[in-house]
Amino acid sequence: MQTTLEEAAKHTVRLSVEVAPDEFSRDLDRAYRKVAGEVKIPGFRKGKVPKRIIDARIGREAVLQEFIEEFVPAYYLRALREHDLAPIADPEIDLEVQDLLDGKPLRFTATVEVRPRLALRPEQYRGLNVEAPSAEPTEREVDAFVDRLRERFAELEVVSRPARPGDYVLADVRAYRHEQEIPQATRVGFLSEVGSQDLVPELDRELEGKRKGEILKFNATLPEGFGEVSGSEVSFQVLVKEVKAKKLPVADEEFARTASEFDTLAELRDDIRSKLSAIKEAESRAVLRDLALNKALESVDVELPDRLVDEETERRVQSATERAERSGTTLEAALKTQGWDELRFRSDARSHAVRALKADLVLEAVSRQESLRVEPEELDREVRGLAQEMGRDPKEVRRLLERSGQIVTLAGDIIRSKALDLIVDSANVTSMETSGAA
């Protein structure tokens, strides 16, 4: 099979394919056998009808049509692979059947819109200067972790001052609608942290600044979670019985022994510092990968096909819609809680789609330039990971991926990840703290 490639328009190519008669004759024989197995002609067993009889009774044109529908797409896919093209739409096939009738080579052209293909210079992705956050914990971060530990071991003590955010108030909360008490929203002996919005947001606002013995009255609409009375406007009457504040333990050796397996506060802080370092190192690596990729993208100017951007945008919108539905709501309602509308969301999704597509093109270009490959054990490892997440047998998961074509997608993800690793590992990384100190 011979193929040639030419540019038909921006992002569109024309593939010219020629298949010699001796090459496509086997496929034409398969088309004859398929037609022979589908027709009934007196005097011949099914599937054993000679070609000349099929040509005379059914018509050679019908066989050629079967051949074209089944095998021309296969030739087209071979041509795509030969030129390493990634189509983003169905092709327009131009084929002359008369050539086949005259015993000439099979010739056709396929005009198709394709993904852009970048060619990068090594300096566009190797040795990039990247400023990344430090993975070394600061003393302030260690202090904050110790304070969170102290919060866990805090005790509540009654105070005489007004309630502040973070304090706890013990109160009798009664809800009424048309002077009838609503049991679903009534709480007697209710201990609530001011600012936690345990019941309704209005309660937190009313409790702030109040003392023991005060009586509060206000109206509020019950949110979801109150059964049949959800959405109803009710009147609240609240008696403040006590105001309690957290009393945090002193950060000393006794606290260290109570809160951990260590005997001294210094040992506890060293352990916290070590754990924070491991967490920050993982976070820093993730941030570094994103920063390095952004740096590589800065050197690339590529115009993306509208169809490609539209499809990626719609995929993101559909994914967000499905996530909202799994959470028991709609995309419109979820956006409303964030103060967004669909137009703004779609614009944001399109911006992310453009960035993601450009990133894929850059990483694919790096993988070609560096001749990166997916090793069988790498693919096996990813399949085993997916199987473990799904709770299924790895062999079964691999068969499913191969049948659906997703195994190619998975291999592509691995290649792009390896390309990004190469960009990061070759980068000149400086710490943000170090750079700032300089």
Foldseek 3Di string as FASTA:
>chain_A
DDWDWDAPDVLKIKIKDWAACVRCVVLLVVLVQVVQQVDDDPPDDRSGDDPVVCCVPVNVVVSVVSSCVPPVVVRVVVSCVVVVWAFPDAWDKDWDVVCVVVNGITIIMTMTRTWDADADDCVLQFAAEFAFADLQDDVVVLVVVVVVLLVVVWDKDFDFFAAAQQKKWFKFKWKADPNHTDVLQTDHRDIDGQPPCPWHVVVSVVRGRDGAQDKDKDKDAGDPDSPPRHRPIIIMIMHTHTIIHIDGDDQFQVSCVVRHVDRTSVVVSVVVSVVSSVVSVVVRVVRLLVRSLVSSLVVDDDDTDPSQLVVQLVVVVVVLQVVQVVVVHGSQVVQVVVVHHPVVVSVVSSVVSVSVSSSLSSLVNLCVVVVDFDDPVNLLVVLVVVCVVVVHDSVVSVVVCVVVVVSVVVRSVVSSVVSSVNSSVSYNYDYPVVVVVD
